[in-house]
Protein backbone atom coordinates (compact mmCIF):
# COMPACT_ATOMS: atom_id res chain seq x y z
CA MET A 1 -6.76 18.29 0.99
CA ILE A 2 -8.50 15.05 2.78
CA VAL A 3 -5.40 12.92 3.16
CA GLY A 4 -2.60 15.99 3.28
CA LEU A 5 -1.20 16.36 0.00
CA PHE A 6 -2.63 20.27 0.05
CA THR A 7 -3.70 22.45 3.08
CA PRO A 8 -7.10 23.85 3.48
CA THR A 9 -7.43 27.75 3.04
CA ALA A 10 -10.67 27.33 6.17
CA GLY A 11 -12.46 24.82 8.02
CA ASP A 12 -11.88 21.68 9.18
CA ILE A 13 -11.06 18.40 8.10
CA ILE A 14 -11.68 15.19 10.57
CA VAL A 15 -11.66 11.79 9.35
CA ASN A 16 -12.19 8.51 11.93
CA GLY A 17 -12.23 11.79 15.12
CA SER A 18 -8.46 13.42 14.56
CA ASN A 19 -8.13 16.18 12.83
CA ILE A 20 -5.89 16.34 9.44
CA LEU A 21 -3.27 19.29 10.98
CA THR A 22 -3.25 18.57 14.30
CA HIS A 23 -3.07 14.89 14.24
CA PRO A 24 -1.93 14.29 11.16
CA VAL A 25 -1.18 10.03 11.48
CA GLU A 26 -3.74 9.18 13.48
CA ALA A 27 -5.63 10.47 10.74
CA LYS A 28 -3.95 9.35 7.58
CA GLN A 29 -3.69 5.95 9.21
CA SER A 30 -7.92 5.76 8.26
CA ILE A 31 -6.99 6.46 4.93
CA GLY A 32 -6.20 4.04 1.81
CA TYR A 33 -4.82 7.03 -0.37
CA VAL A 34 -2.44 5.45 -3.42
CA PRO A 35 -1.03 7.64 -5.33
CA ASP A 36 -1.88 7.27 -9.55
CA ILE A 37 1.93 8.31 -10.37
CA PRO A 38 4.02 5.95 -8.29
CA PHE A 39 7.93 6.97 -8.59
CA LEU A 40 8.68 4.22 -5.97
CA TYR A 41 6.05 1.80 -7.14
CA GLU A 42 8.12 1.05 -10.45
CA LYS A 43 11.48 0.35 -8.69
CA LEU A 44 10.10 -2.72 -6.90
CA THR A 45 9.17 -6.45 -7.68
CA GLY A 46 5.86 -7.38 -7.40
CA ARG A 47 6.05 -9.49 -3.79
CA GLU A 48 7.90 -6.13 -2.31
CA PHE A 49 5.31 -3.88 -3.42
CA LEU A 50 2.96 -5.70 -1.97
CA TYR A 51 4.93 -6.22 1.75
CA PHE A 52 5.39 -2.28 1.07
CA ILE A 53 1.57 -1.35 1.33
CA GLY A 54 1.02 -4.32 4.12
CA GLY A 55 3.61 -2.18 5.99
CA LEU A 56 1.57 1.08 5.21
CA PHE A 57 -1.75 -0.73 6.84
CA ARG A 58 0.24 -2.02 10.04
CA ILE A 59 0.00 -5.99 8.31
CA PRO A 60 2.89 -7.91 10.32
CA LYS A 61 5.14 -8.78 7.73
CA LEU A 62 5.11 -12.97 8.83
CA PHE A 63 1.30 -12.12 8.09
CA CYS A 64 2.13 -11.01 4.45
CA MET A 65 4.37 -13.98 3.88
CA THR A 66 1.80 -16.38 4.97
CA VAL A 67 -0.46 -15.21 2.96
CA LEU A 68 1.79 -14.33 -0.25
CA MET A 69 2.81 -17.66 -0.34
CA ASN A 70 -0.60 -19.50 -0.43
CA SER A 71 -1.53 -16.69 -2.95
CA SER A 72 0.94 -17.45 -4.94
CA ALA A 73 1.21 -21.51 -5.03
CA ILE A 74 -2.53 -20.97 -5.89
CA LEU A 75 -1.88 -18.65 -8.60
CA LYS A 76 0.98 -20.92 -10.32
CA SER A 77 -1.16 -24.07 -10.37
CA ALA A 78 -4.11 -21.45 -11.98
CA VAL A 79 -2.62 -19.64 -14.84
CA GLY A 80 0.73 -21.92 -14.77
CA LEU A 81 2.99 -19.50 -13.57
CA ILE A 82 7.00 -20.96 -12.73
CA ASN A 83 9.53 -18.59 -13.32
CA GLY A 84 9.58 -14.29 -12.75
CA ARG A 85 8.91 -14.26 -9.23
CA LYS A 86 11.76 -11.43 -8.93
CA THR A 87 11.33 -9.53 -12.35
CA ILE A 88 10.58 -5.84 -11.92
CA ARG A 89 7.53 -5.06 -14.90
CA ARG A 90 9.08 -2.66 -17.29
CA GLU A 91 5.85 -1.66 -19.84
């Protein structure tokens, strides 16, 4: 109910001062919800997924790109990653 998936049958849900029913966008901006069955995520690369999540939190794409580039360089040198940057992981 808090994230808006179910409608409450009674009472109010106030998130950070915003009512989830009357001001859902404002209320959801304060919630970090990622569903445990992600239908979209399996179609994204790791980089696309991180950009998507950054967009949900309104993090500017240029900032995300900079952080990802720096983090990627550190991880590549730490664990020896070379290829696979644009690979969609399937199990």
